[in-house]
Amino acid sequence: MAREIDIRSKPPLSEATFFILLSLAPESRHGYAIMKDTRRLSAGRVLLSTGTLYGALKRLLELGWIERVDDTKNNGNRERKAYALTRRGRRVLDAELDRLRGLVAVARTRTAPERA
């Protein structure tokens, strides 16, 4: 099991990691579905190769941010590896969302037209 960390002390997530976690937020998915969803969510900015995706998934498993789960949507086809967010992964994603909201709030105050 991964050791406990202070999530707030982690550096910002890479864009690929952010979108992988975001893809898993509503439900578990297998690798190809994560690749497709990440591309859709990022409006095509994040294009994960198979090697990049599975390297990232391995790292996220080691960190305890995701876990392997049974693929219940498999419909009797060949076995696929499916992944889901863990509680820790959800906390990491929530912390990153809070960080991004804070950045946007600061940017809005700086770029908003001055009120007379």
PDB file of N, CA and C in Angstrom:
ATOM      1  N   MET A   1       0.844  -1.190   0.000  1.00  0.00           N
ATOM      2  CA  MET A   1       0.000   0.000   0.000  1.00  0.00           C
ATOM      3  C   MET A   1       0.876   1.235   0.000  1.00  0.00           C
ATOM      4  N   ALA A   2       0.461   2.244  -0.747  1.00  0.00           N
ATOM      5  CA  ALA A   2       1.219   3.485  -0.839  1.00  0.00           C
ATOM      6  C   ALA A   2       1.171   4.212   0.500  1.00  0.00           C
ATOM      7  N   ARG A   3       2.281   4.869   0.833  1.00  0.00           N
ATOM      8  CA  ARG A   3       2.312   5.575   2.108  1.00  0.00           C
ATOM      9  C   ARG A   3       1.466   6.837   2.020  1.00  0.00           C
ATOM     10  N   GLU A   4       0.971   7.269   3.174  1.00  0.00           N
ATOM     11  CA  GLU A   4       0.097   8.448   3.219  1.00  0.00           C
ATOM     12  C   GLU A   4       0.914   9.700   2.930  1.00  0.00           C
ATOM     13  N   ILE A   5       0.352  10.596   2.146  1.00  0.00           N
ATOM     14  CA  ILE A   5       1.019  11.837   1.782  1.00  0.00           C
ATOM     15  C   ILE A   5       0.090  13.003   2.070  1.00  0.00           C
ATOM     16  N   ASP A   6       0.690  14.179   2.206  1.00  0.00           N
ATOM     17  CA  ASP A   6      -0.101  15.397   2.302  1.00  0.00           C
ATOM     18  C   ASP A   6      -0.376  15.843   0.872  1.00  0.00           C
ATOM     19  N   ILE A   7      -1.605  15.683   0.439  1.00  0.00           N
ATOM     20  CA  ILE A   7      -1.970  15.958  -0.950  1.00  0.00           C
ATOM     21  C   ILE A   7      -1.683  17.407  -1.314  1.00  0.00           C
ATOM     22  N   ARG A   8      -1.887  18.322  -0.385  1.00  0.00           N
ATOM     23  CA  ARG A   8      -1.670  19.738  -0.686  1.00  0.00           C
ATOM     24  C   ARG A   8      -0.210  20.045  -0.962  1.00  0.00           C
ATOM     25  N   SER A   9       0.717  19.188  -0.519  1.00  0.00           N
ATOM     26  CA  SER A   9       2.138  19.439  -0.740  1.00  0.00           C
ATOM     27  C   SER A   9       2.612  18.902  -2.087  1.00  0.00           C
ATOM     28  N   LYS A  10       1.746  18.189  -2.814  1.00  0.00           N
ATOM     29  CA  LYS A  10       2.125  17.643  -4.116  1.00  0.00           C
ATOM     30  C   LYS A  10       2.187  18.767  -5.145  1.00  0.00           C
ATOM     31  N   PRO A  11       3.113  18.661  -6.093  1.00  0.00           N
ATOM     32  CA  PRO A  11       3.140  19.663  -7.160  1.00  0.00           C
ATOM     33  C   PRO A  11       1.908  19.526  -8.044  1.00  0.00           C
ATOM     34  N   PRO A  12       1.649  20.524  -8.887  1.00  0.00           N
ATOM     35  CA  PRO A  12       0.492  20.410  -9.785  1.00  0.00           C
ATOM     36  C   PRO A  12       0.574  19.134 -10.615  1.00  0.00           C
ATOM     37  N   LEU A  13      -0.576  18.581 -10.934  1.00  0.00           N
ATOM     38  CA  LEU A  13      -0.625  17.381 -11.770  1.00  0.00           C
ATOM     39  C   LEU A  13      -0.267  17.746 -13.207  1.00  0.00           C
ATOM     40  N   SER A  14       0.367  16.813 -13.891  1.00  0.00           N
ATOM     41  CA  SER A  14       0.567  17.014 -15.329  1.00  0.00           C
ATOM     42  C   SER A  14      -0.807  16.995 -15.988  1.00  0.00           C
ATOM     43  N   GLU A  15      -0.886  17.563 -17.168  1.00  0.00           N
ATOM     44  CA  GLU A  15      -2.168  17.597 -17.867  1.00  0.00           C
ATOM     45  C   GLU A  15      -2.674  16.180 -18.142  1.00  0.00           C
ATOM     46  N   ALA A  16      -1.769  15.281 -18.531  1.00  0.00           N
ATOM     47  CA  ALA A  16      -2.173  13.897 -18.815  1.00  0.00           C
ATOM     48  C   ALA A  16      -2.713  13.220 -17.558  1.00  0.00           C
ATOM     49  N   THR A  17      -2.019  13.364 -16.438  1.00  0.00           N
ATOM     50  CA  THR A  17      -2.476  12.757 -15.186  1.00  0.00           C
ATOM     51  C   THR A  17      -3.811  13.340 -14.765  1.00  0.00           C
ATOM     52  N   PHE A  18      -3.959  14.648 -14.869  1.00  0.00           N
ATOM     53  CA  PHE A  18      -5.215  15.299 -14.519  1.00  0.00           C
ATOM     54  C   PHE A  18      -6.370  14.706 -15.326  1.00  0.00           C
ATOM     55  N   PHE A  19      -6.194  14.585 -16.630  1.00  0.00           N
ATOM     56  CA  PHE A  19      -7.283  14.090 -17.465  1.00  0.00           C
ATOM     57  C   PHE A  19      -7.535  12.595 -17.272  1.00  0.00           C
ATOM     58  N   ILE A  20      -6.517  11.828 -16.937  1.00  0.00           N
ATOM     59  CA  ILE A  20      -6.734  10.405 -16.622  1.00  0.00           C
ATOM     60  C   ILE A  20      -7.594  10.289 -15.369  1.00  0.00           C
ATOM     61  N   LEU A  21      -7.241  11.027 -14.318  1.00  0.00           N
ATOM     62  CA  LEU A  21      -8.036  10.991 -13.085  1.00  0.00           C
ATOM     63  C   LEU A  21      -9.444  11.514 -13.334  1.00  0.00           C
ATOM     64  N   LEU A  22      -9.557  12.576 -14.107  1.00  0.00           N
ATOM     65  CA  LEU A  22     -10.864  13.138 -14.429  1.00  0.00           C
ATOM     66  C   LEU A  22     -11.709  12.127 -15.206  1.00  0.00           C
ATOM     67  N   SER A  23     -11.088  11.390 -16.098  1.00  0.00           N
ATOM     68  CA  SER A  23     -11.798  10.369 -16.867  1.00  0.00           C
ATOM     69  C   SER A  23     -12.379   9.291 -15.961  1.00  0.00           C
ATOM     70  N   LEU A  24     -11.668   8.985 -14.881  1.00  0.00           N
ATOM     71  CA  LEU A  24     -12.108   7.936 -13.965  1.00  0.00           C
ATOM     72  C   LEU A  24     -13.043   8.451 -12.874  1.00  0.00           C
ATOM     73  N   ALA A  25     -13.280   9.764 -12.826  1.00  0.00           N
ATOM     74  CA  ALA A  25     -14.110  10.330 -11.763  1.00  0.00           C
ATOM     75  C   ALA A  25     -15.536   9.783 -11.753  1.00  0.00           C
ATOM     76  N   PRO A  26     -16.228   9.673 -12.894  1.00  0.00           N
ATOM     77  CA  PRO A  26     -17.614   9.200 -12.819  1.00  0.00           C
ATOM     78  C   PRO A  26     -17.751   7.687 -12.717  1.00  0.00           C
ATOM     79  N   GLU A  27     -16.778   6.936 -13.270  1.00  0.00           N
ATOM     80  CA  GLU A  27     -16.899   5.476 -13.286  1.00  0.00           C
ATOM     81  C   GLU A  27     -15.576   4.838 -13.675  1.00  0.00           C
ATOM     82  N   SER A  28     -15.480   3.537 -13.432  1.00  0.00           N
ATOM     83  CA  SER A  28     -14.283   2.805 -13.846  1.00  0.00           C
ATOM     84  C   SER A  28     -14.270   2.681 -15.365  1.00  0.00           C
ATOM     85  N   ARG A  29     -13.065   2.557 -15.915  1.00  0.00           N
ATOM     86  CA  ARG A  29     -12.906   2.430 -17.365  1.00  0.00           C
ATOM     87  C   ARG A  29     -11.698   1.548 -17.655  1.00  0.00           C
ATOM     88  N   HIS A  30     -11.699   0.938 -18.829  1.00  0.00           N
ATOM     89  CA  HIS A  30     -10.524   0.199 -19.287  1.00  0.00           C
ATOM     90  C   HIS A  30      -9.633   1.168 -20.061  1.00  0.00           C
ATOM     91  N   GLY A  31      -8.422   0.737 -20.381  1.00  0.00           N
ATOM     92  CA  GLY A  31      -7.422   1.615 -20.967  1.00  0.00           C
ATOM     93  C   GLY A  31      -7.859   2.350 -22.214  1.00  0.00           C
ATOM     94  N   TYR A  32      -8.431   1.631 -23.183  1.00  0.00           N
ATOM     95  CA  TYR A  32      -8.837   2.283 -24.429  1.00  0.00           C
ATOM     96  C   TYR A  32      -9.911   3.340 -24.167  1.00  0.00           C
ATOM     97  N   ALA A  33     -10.833   3.064 -23.267  1.00  0.00           N
ATOM     98  CA  ALA A  33     -11.875   4.048 -22.931  1.00  0.00           C
ATOM     99  C   ALA A  33     -11.260   5.276 -22.262  1.00  0.00           C
ATOM    100  N   ILE A  34     -10.230   5.081 -21.446  1.00  0.00           N
ATOM    101  CA  ILE A  34      -9.536   6.220 -20.823  1.00  0.00           C
ATOM    102  C   ILE A  34      -8.872   7.064 -21.906  1.00  0.00           C
ATOM    103  N   MET A  35      -8.212   6.418 -22.867  1.00  0.00           N
ATOM    104  CA  MET A  35      -7.556   7.145 -23.959  1.00  0.00           C
ATOM    105  C   MET A  35      -8.564   7.987 -24.734  1.00  0.00           C
ATOM    106  N   LYS A  36      -9.699   7.402 -25.084  1.00  0.00           N
ATOM    107  CA  LYS A  36     -10.722   8.117 -25.845  1.00  0.00           C
ATOM    108  C   LYS A  36     -11.318   9.263 -25.025  1.00  0.00           C
ATOM    109  N   ASP A  37     -11.631   8.996 -23.761  1.00  0.00           N
ATOM    110  CA  ASP A  37     -12.257  10.010 -22.920  1.00  0.00           C
ATOM    111  C   ASP A  37     -11.300  11.169 -22.646  1.00  0.00           C
ATOM    112  N   THR A  38     -10.037  10.852 -22.419  1.00  0.00           N
ATOM    113  CA  THR A  38      -9.028  11.884 -22.177  1.00  0.00           C
ATOM    114  C   THR A  38      -8.901  12.799 -23.394  1.00  0.00           C
ATOM    115  N   ARG A  39      -8.911  12.207 -24.566  1.00  0.00           N
ATOM    116  CA  ARG A  39      -8.843  13.009 -25.790  1.00  0.00           C
ATOM    117  C   ARG A  39     -10.069  13.921 -25.905  1.00  0.00           C
ATOM    118  N   ARG A  40     -11.255  13.360 -25.624  1.00  0.00           N
ATOM    119  CA  ARG A  40     -12.492  14.142 -25.707  1.00  0.00           C
ATOM    120  C   ARG A  40     -12.511  15.260 -24.668  1.00  0.00           C
ATOM    121  N   LEU A  41     -12.192  14.929 -23.424  1.00  0.00           N
ATOM    122  CA  LEU A  41     -12.223  15.918 -22.348  1.00  0.00           C
ATOM    123  C   LEU A  41     -11.242  17.067 -22.587  1.00  0.00           C
ATOM    124  N   SER A  42     -10.107  16.753 -23.176  1.00  0.00           N
ATOM    125  CA  SER A  42      -9.074  17.770 -23.391  1.00  0.00           C
ATOM    126  C   SER A  42      -9.233  18.473 -24.738  1.00  0.00           C
ATOM    127  N   ALA A  43     -10.317  18.197 -25.443  1.00  0.00           N
ATOM    128  CA  ALA A  43     -10.563  18.775 -26.765  1.00  0.00           C
ATOM    129  C   ALA A  43      -9.400  18.488 -27.712  1.00  0.00           C
ATOM    130  N   GLY A  44      -8.845  17.280 -27.586  1.00  0.00           N
ATOM    131  CA  GLY A  44      -7.782  16.840 -28.476  1.00  0.00           C
ATOM    132  C   GLY A  44      -6.383  17.266 -28.101  1.00  0.00           C
ATOM    133  N   ARG A  45      -6.201  18.003 -27.009  1.00  0.00           N
ATOM    134  CA  ARG A  45      -4.865  18.439 -26.587  1.00  0.00           C
ATOM    135  C   ARG A  45      -4.036  17.297 -26.024  1.00  0.00           C
ATOM    136  N   VAL A  46      -4.684  16.360 -25.322  1.00  0.00           N
ATOM    137  CA  VAL A  46      -3.968  15.253 -24.697  1.00  0.00           C
ATOM    138  C   VAL A  46      -4.262  13.987 -25.495  1.00  0.00           C
ATOM    139  N   LEU A  47      -3.258  13.550 -26.235  1.00  0.00           N
ATOM    140  CA  LEU A  47      -3.353  12.330 -27.033  1.00  0.00           C
ATOM    141  C   LEU A  47      -2.384  11.323 -26.434  1.00  0.00           C
ATOM    142  N   LEU A  48      -2.912  10.342 -25.744  1.00  0.00           N
ATOM    143  CA  LEU A  48      -2.074   9.366 -25.056  1.00  0.00           C
ATOM    144  C   LEU A  48      -1.792   8.171 -25.959  1.00  0.00           C
ATOM    145  N   SER A  49      -0.522   7.838 -26.104  1.00  0.00           N
ATOM    146  CA  SER A  49      -0.180   6.586 -26.764  1.00  0.00           C
ATOM    147  C   SER A  49      -0.422   5.462 -25.762  1.00  0.00           C
ATOM    148  N   THR A  50      -0.474   4.249 -26.261  1.00  0.00           N
ATOM    149  CA  THR A  50      -0.683   3.107 -25.370  1.00  0.00           C
ATOM    150  C   THR A  50       0.427   3.031 -24.321  1.00  0.00           C
ATOM    151  N   GLY A  51       1.674   3.202 -24.757  1.00  0.00           N
ATOM    152  CA  GLY A  51       2.799   3.135 -23.823  1.00  0.00           C
ATOM    153  C   GLY A  51       2.740   4.210 -22.754  1.00  0.00           C
ATOM    154  N   THR A  52       2.395   5.434 -23.160  1.00  0.00           N
ATOM    155  CA  THR A  52       2.285   6.537 -22.201  1.00  0.00           C
ATOM    156  C   THR A  52       1.163   6.280 -21.205  1.00  0.00           C
ATOM    157  N   LEU A  53       0.017   5.831 -21.719  1.00  0.00           N
ATOM    158  CA  LEU A  53      -1.119   5.571 -20.832  1.00  0.00           C
ATOM    159  C   LEU A  53      -0.775   4.501 -19.808  1.00  0.00           C
ATOM    160  N   TYR A  54      -0.262   3.365 -20.259  1.00  0.00           N
ATOM    161  CA  TYR A  54      -0.015   2.276 -19.315  1.00  0.00           C
ATOM    162  C   TYR A  54       1.137   2.581 -18.367  1.00  0.00           C
ATOM    163  N   GLY A  55       2.096   3.410 -18.795  1.00  0.00           N
ATOM    164  CA  GLY A  55       3.124   3.880 -17.867  1.00  0.00           C
ATOM    165  C   GLY A  55       2.515   4.762 -16.784  1.00  0.00           C
ATOM    166  N   ALA A  56       1.610   5.645 -17.195  1.00  0.00           N
ATOM    167  CA  ALA A  56       0.936   6.519 -16.228  1.00  0.00           C
ATOM    168  C   ALA A  56       0.051   5.713 -15.294  1.00  0.00           C
ATOM    169  N   LEU A  57      -0.691   4.736 -15.831  1.00  0.00           N
ATOM    170  CA  LEU A  57      -1.550   3.905 -14.980  1.00  0.00           C
ATOM    171  C   LEU A  57      -0.730   3.136 -13.963  1.00  0.00           C
ATOM    172  N   LYS A  58       0.422   2.623 -14.387  1.00  0.00           N
ATOM    173  CA  LYS A  58       1.298   1.898 -13.446  1.00  0.00           C
ATOM    174  C   LYS A  58       1.728   2.817 -12.300  1.00  0.00           C
ATOM    175  N   ARG A  59       2.117   4.041 -12.645  1.00  0.00           N
ATOM    176  CA  ARG A  59       2.542   5.007 -11.615  1.00  0.00           C
ATOM    177  C   ARG A  59       1.384   5.364 -10.691  1.00  0.00           C
ATOM    178  N   LEU A  60       0.188   5.566 -11.255  1.00  0.00           N
ATOM    179  CA  LEU A  60      -0.976   5.908 -10.438  1.00  0.00           C
ATOM    180  C   LEU A  60      -1.382   4.745  -9.534  1.00  0.00           C
ATOM    181  N   LEU A  61      -1.211   3.521 -10.006  1.00  0.00           N
ATOM    182  CA  LEU A  61      -1.459   2.344  -9.154  1.00  0.00           C
ATOM    183  C   LEU A  61      -0.478   2.326  -7.989  1.00  0.00           C
ATOM    184  N   GLU A  62       0.797   2.576  -8.280  1.00  0.00           N
ATOM    185  CA  GLU A  62       1.823   2.595  -7.228  1.00  0.00           C
ATOM    186  C   GLU A  62       1.571   3.681  -6.195  1.00  0.00           C
ATOM    187  N   LEU A  63       1.050   4.819  -6.640  1.00  0.00           N
ATOM    188  CA  LEU A  63       0.734   5.917  -5.723  1.00  0.00           C
ATOM    189  C   LEU A  63      -0.534   5.658  -4.913  1.00  0.00           C
ATOM    190  N   GLY A  64      -1.320   4.668  -5.341  1.00  0.00           N
ATOM    191  CA  GLY A  64      -2.572   4.376  -4.653  1.00  0.00           C
ATOM    192  C   GLY A  64      -3.698   5.311  -5.055  1.00  0.00           C
ATOM    193  N   TRP A  65      -3.560   5.993  -6.191  1.00  0.00           N
ATOM    194  CA  TRP A  65      -4.580   6.925  -6.647  1.00  0.00           C
ATOM    195  C   TRP A  65      -5.655   6.224  -7.462  1.00  0.00           C
ATOM    196  N   ILE A  66      -5.317   5.077  -8.045  1.00  0.00           N
ATOM    197  CA  ILE A  66      -6.284   4.258  -8.784  1.00  0.00           C
ATOM    198  C   ILE A  66      -6.098   2.811  -8.358  1.00  0.00           C
ATOM    199  N   GLU A  67      -7.071   1.981  -8.714  1.00  0.00           N
ATOM    200  CA  GLU A  67      -6.979   0.552  -8.427  1.00  0.00           C
ATOM    201  C   GLU A  67      -7.568  -0.233  -9.592  1.00  0.00           C
ATOM    202  N   ARG A  68      -7.135  -1.484  -9.715  1.00  0.00           N
ATOM    203  CA  ARG A  68      -7.711  -2.373 -10.724  1.00  0.00           C
ATOM    204  C   ARG A  68      -9.048  -2.870 -10.206  1.00  0.00           C
ATOM    205  N   VAL A  69     -10.024  -2.961 -11.087  1.00  0.00           N
ATOM    206  CA  VAL A  69     -11.355  -3.452 -10.733  1.00  0.00           C
ATOM    207  C   VAL A  69     -11.827  -4.408 -11.815  1.00  0.00           C
ATOM    208  N   ASP A  70     -12.834  -5.203 -11.495  1.00  0.00           N
ATOM    209  CA  ASP A  70     -13.440  -6.067 -12.499  1.00  0.00           C
ATOM    210  C   ASP A  70     -14.152  -5.215 -13.528  1.00  0.00           C
ATOM    211  N   ASP A  71     -14.011  -5.591 -14.786  1.00  0.00           N
ATOM    212  CA  ASP A  71     -14.682  -4.883 -15.878  1.00  0.00           C
ATOM    213  C   ASP A  71     -16.073  -5.479 -16.029  1.00  0.00           C
ATOM    214  N   THR A  72     -17.049  -4.861 -15.386  1.00  0.00           N
ATOM    215  CA  THR A  72     -18.419  -5.398 -15.402  1.00  0.00           C
ATOM    216  C   THR A  72     -19.140  -5.109 -16.707  1.00  0.00           C
ATOM    217  N   LYS A  73     -18.586  -4.225 -17.542  1.00  0.00           N
ATOM    218  CA  LYS A  73     -19.231  -3.881 -18.811  1.00  0.00           C
ATOM    219  C   LYS A  73     -18.661  -4.691 -19.970  1.00  0.00           C
ATOM    220  N   ASN A  74     -17.959  -5.753 -19.666  1.00  0.00           N
ATOM    221  CA  ASN A  74     -17.232  -6.522 -20.671  1.00  0.00           C
ATOM    222  C   ASN A  74     -18.143  -7.339 -21.585  1.00  0.00           C
ATOM    223  N   ASN A  75     -19.351  -7.657 -21.157  1.00  0.00           N
ATOM    224  CA  ASN A  75     -20.312  -8.421 -21.959  1.00  0.00           C
ATOM    225  C   ASN A  75     -19.769  -9.742 -22.486  1.00  0.00           C
ATOM    226  N   GLY A  76     -18.975 -10.418 -21.700  1.00  0.00           N
ATOM    227  CA  GLY A  76     -18.477 -11.735 -22.086  1.00  0.00           C
ATOM    228  C   GLY A  76     -17.316 -11.727 -23.052  1.00  0.00           C
ATOM    229  N   ASN A  77     -16.849 -10.564 -23.459  1.00  0.00           N
ATOM    230  CA  ASN A  77     -15.700 -10.491 -24.359  1.00  0.00           C
ATOM    231  C   ASN A  77     -14.423 -10.779 -23.592  1.00  0.00           C
ATOM    232  N   ARG A  78     -13.298 -10.712 -24.279  1.00  0.00           N
ATOM    233  CA  ARG A  78     -12.027 -11.000 -23.615  1.00  0.00           C
ATOM    234  C   ARG A  78     -11.841 -10.098 -22.397  1.00  0.00           C
ATOM    235  N   GLU A  79     -11.105 -10.609 -21.448  1.00  0.00           N
ATOM    236  CA  GLU A  79     -10.903  -9.873 -20.196  1.00  0.00           C
ATOM    237  C   GLU A  79     -10.092  -8.604 -20.459  1.00  0.00           C
ATOM    238  N   ARG A  80     -10.572  -7.491 -19.937  1.00  0.00           N
ATOM    239  CA  ARG A  80      -9.869  -6.224 -20.040  1.00  0.00           C
ATOM    240  C   ARG A  80      -9.570  -5.718 -18.637  1.00  0.00           C
ATOM    241  N   LYS A  81      -8.467  -4.999 -18.511  1.00  0.00           N
ATOM    242  CA  LYS A  81      -8.123  -4.382 -17.241  1.00  0.00           C
ATOM    243  C   LYS A  81      -8.917  -3.091 -17.131  1.00  0.00           C
ATOM    244  N   ALA A  82      -9.620  -2.951 -16.032  1.00  0.00           N
ATOM    245  CA  ALA A  82     -10.365  -1.715 -15.779  1.00  0.00           C
ATOM    246  C   ALA A  82      -9.774  -1.057 -14.533  1.00  0.00           C
ATOM    247  N   TYR A  83      -9.927   0.255 -14.473  1.00  0.00           N
ATOM    248  CA  TYR A  83      -9.339   1.044 -13.394  1.00  0.00           C
ATOM    249  C   TYR A  83     -10.394   1.971 -12.811  1.00  0.00           C
ATOM    250  N   ALA A  84     -10.243   2.252 -11.516  1.00  0.00           N
ATOM    251  CA  ALA A  84     -11.162   3.159 -10.821  1.00  0.00           C
ATOM    252  C   ALA A  84     -10.349   4.040  -9.882  1.00  0.00           C
ATOM    253  N   LEU A  85     -10.878   5.214  -9.602  1.00  0.00           N
ATOM    254  CA  LEU A  85     -10.263   6.091  -8.605  1.00  0.00           C
ATOM    255  C   LEU A  85     -10.397   5.473  -7.221  1.00  0.00           C
ATOM    256  N   THR A  86      -9.387   5.621  -6.418  1.00  0.00           N
ATOM    257  CA  THR A  86      -9.479   5.277  -5.004  1.00  0.00           C
ATOM    258  C   THR A  86      -9.899   6.536  -4.242  1.00  0.00           C
ATOM    259  N   ARG A  87     -10.146   6.400  -2.954  1.00  0.00           N
ATOM    260  CA  ARG A  87     -10.461   7.586  -2.144  1.00  0.00           C
ATOM    261  C   ARG A  87      -9.306   8.585  -2.197  1.00  0.00           C
ATOM    262  N   ARG A  88      -8.098   8.066  -2.143  1.00  0.00           N
ATOM    263  CA  ARG A  88      -6.921   8.937  -2.215  1.00  0.00           C
ATOM    264  C   ARG A  88      -6.880   9.649  -3.571  1.00  0.00           C
ATOM    265  N   GLY A  89      -7.147   8.917  -4.638  1.00  0.00           N
ATOM    266  CA  GLY A  89      -7.161   9.516  -5.967  1.00  0.00           C
ATOM    267  C   GLY A  89      -8.206  10.599  -6.087  1.00  0.00           C
ATOM    268  N   ARG A  90      -9.356  10.366  -5.491  1.00  0.00           N
ATOM    269  CA  ARG A  90     -10.427  11.381  -5.495  1.00  0.00           C
ATOM    270  C   ARG A  90      -9.966  12.622  -4.739  1.00  0.00           C
ATOM    271  N   ARG A  91      -9.283  12.434  -3.609  1.00  0.00           N
ATOM    272  CA  ARG A  91      -8.775  13.584  -2.846  1.00  0.00           C
ATOM    273  C   ARG A  91      -7.736  14.355  -3.653  1.00  0.00           C
ATOM    274  N   VAL A  92      -6.873  13.634  -4.363  1.00  0.00           N
ATOM    275  CA  VAL A  92      -5.863  14.287  -5.201  1.00  0.00           C
ATOM    276  C   VAL A  92      -6.546  15.097  -6.299  1.00  0.00           C
ATOM    277  N   LEU A  93      -7.525  14.501  -6.964  1.00  0.00           N
ATOM    278  CA  LEU A  93      -8.252  15.211  -8.020  1.00  0.00           C
ATOM    279  C   LEU A  93      -8.978  16.427  -7.451  1.00  0.00           C
ATOM    280  N   ASP A  94      -9.633  16.276  -6.314  1.00  0.00           N
ATOM    281  CA  ASP A  94     -10.331  17.406  -5.690  1.00  0.00           C
ATOM    282  C   ASP A  94      -9.362  18.520  -5.304  1.00  0.00           C
ATOM    283  N   ALA A  95      -8.184  18.147  -4.782  1.00  0.00           N
ATOM    284  CA  ALA A  95      -7.180  19.150  -4.418  1.00  0.00           C
ATOM    285  C   ALA A  95      -6.690  19.895  -5.658  1.00  0.00           C
ATOM    286  N   GLU A  96      -6.513  19.176  -6.762  1.00  0.00           N
ATOM    287  CA  GLU A  96      -6.077  19.830  -7.996  1.00  0.00           C
ATOM    288  C   GLU A  96      -7.164  20.761  -8.532  1.00  0.00           C
ATOM    289  N   LEU A  97      -8.412  20.328  -8.449  1.00  0.00           N
ATOM    290  CA  LEU A  97      -9.515  21.196  -8.877  1.00  0.00           C
ATOM    291  C   LEU A  97      -9.568  22.461  -8.034  1.00  0.00           C
ATOM    292  N   ASP A  98      -9.372  22.339  -6.722  1.00  0.00           N
ATOM    293  CA  ASP A  98      -9.340  23.519  -5.846  1.00  0.00           C
ATOM    294  C   ASP A  98      -8.187  24.447  -6.229  1.00  0.00           C
ATOM    295  N   ARG A  99      -7.015  23.870  -6.521  1.00  0.00           N
ATOM    296  CA  ARG A  99      -5.857  24.663  -6.915  1.00  0.00           C
ATOM    297  C   ARG A  99      -6.152  25.420  -8.205  1.00  0.00           C
ATOM    298  N   LEU A 100      -6.748  24.739  -9.174  1.00  0.00           N
ATOM    299  CA  LEU A 100      -7.065  25.378 -10.454  1.00  0.00           C
ATOM    300  C   LEU A 100      -8.121  26.463 -10.291  1.00  0.00           C
ATOM    301  N   ARG A 101      -9.127  26.218  -9.447  1.00  0.00           N
ATOM    302  CA  ARG A 101     -10.144  27.244  -9.179  1.00  0.00           C
ATOM    303  C   ARG A 101      -9.501  28.495  -8.579  1.00  0.00           C
ATOM    304  N   GLY A 102      -8.552  28.283  -7.674  1.00  0.00           N
ATOM    305  CA  GLY A 102      -7.850  29.408  -7.066  1.00  0.00           C
ATOM    306  C   GLY A 102      -7.073  30.215  -8.092  1.00  0.00           C
ATOM    307  N   LEU A 103      -6.411  29.523  -9.016  1.00  0.00           N
ATOM    308  CA  LEU A 103      -5.678  30.215 -10.073  1.00  0.00           C
ATOM    309  C   LEU A 103      -6.618  31.036 -10.955  1.00  0.00           C
ATOM    310  N   VAL A 104      -7.738  30.444 -11.301  1.00  0.00           N
ATOM    311  CA  VAL A 104      -8.706  31.146 -12.143  1.00  0.00           C
ATOM    312  C   VAL A 104      -9.270  32.364 -11.403  1.00  0.00           C
ATOM    313  N   ALA A 105      -9.546  32.222 -10.117  1.00  0.00           N
ATOM    314  CA  ALA A 105     -10.078  33.342  -9.337  1.00  0.00           C
ATOM    315  C   ALA A 105      -9.086  34.503  -9.315  1.00  0.00           C
ATOM    316  N   VAL A 106      -7.809  34.209  -9.104  1.00  0.00           N
ATOM    317  CA  VAL A 106      -6.789  35.255  -9.102  1.00  0.00           C
ATOM    318  C   VAL A 106      -6.694  35.896 -10.477  1.00  0.00           C
ATOM    319  N   ALA A 107      -6.696  35.078 -11.524  1.00  0.00           N
ATOM    320  CA  ALA A 107      -6.605  35.607 -12.887  1.00  0.00           C
ATOM    321  C   ALA A 107      -7.799  36.507 -13.205  1.00  0.00           C
ATOM    322  N   ARG A 108      -8.972  36.126 -12.750  1.00  0.00           N
ATOM    323  CA  ARG A 108     -10.161  36.951 -13.017  1.00  0.00           C
ATOM    324  C   ARG A 108     -10.069  38.302 -12.336  1.00  0.00           C
ATOM    325  N   THR A 109      -9.544  38.334 -11.112  1.00  0.00           N
ATOM    326  CA  THR A 109      -9.424  39.624 -10.429  1.00  0.00           C
ATOM    327  C   THR A 109      -8.395  40.506 -11.123  1.00  0.00           C
ATOM    328  N   ARG A 110      -7.398  39.908 -11.710  1.00  0.00           N
ATOM    329  CA  ARG A 110      -6.338  40.667 -12.373  1.00  0.00           C
ATOM    330  C   ARG A 110      -6.761  41.149 -13.760  1.00  0.00           C
ATOM    331  N   THR A 111      -7.579  40.373 -14.429  1.00  0.00           N
ATOM    332  CA  THR A 111      -7.925  40.689 -15.818  1.00  0.00           C
ATOM    333  C   THR A 111      -9.306  41.315 -15.973  1.00  0.00           C
ATOM    334  N   ALA A 112     -10.092  41.378 -14.904  1.00  0.00           N
ATOM    335  CA  ALA A 112     -11.435  41.961 -14.979  1.00  0.00           C
ATOM    336  C   ALA A 112     -11.308  43.465 -15.199  1.00  0.00           C
ATOM    337  N   PRO A 113     -12.177  44.025 -16.018  1.00  0.00           N
ATOM    338  CA  PRO A 113     -12.140  45.481 -16.219  1.00  0.00           C
ATOM    339  C   PRO A 113     -12.393  46.199 -14.878  1.00  0.00           C
ATOM    340  N   GLU A 114     -11.704  47.276 -14.690  1.00  0.00           N
ATOM    341  CA  GLU A 114     -11.886  48.036 -13.443  1.00  0.00           C
ATOM    342  C   GLU A 114     -13.285  48.623 -13.408  1.00  0.00           C
ATOM    343  N   ARG A 115     -13.870  48.580 -12.228  1.00  0.00           N
ATOM    344  CA  ARG A 115     -15.217  49.123 -12.061  1.00  0.00           C
ATOM    345  C   ARG A 115     -15.106  50.584 -11.634  1.00  0.00           C
ATOM    346  N   ALA A 116     -15.921  51.400 -12.226  1.00  0.00           N
ATOM    347  CA  ALA A 116     -15.880  52.844 -11.933  1.00  0.00           C
ATOM    348  C   ALA A 116     -16.621  53.166 -10.674  1.00  0.00           C
TER     349      ALA A 116
END
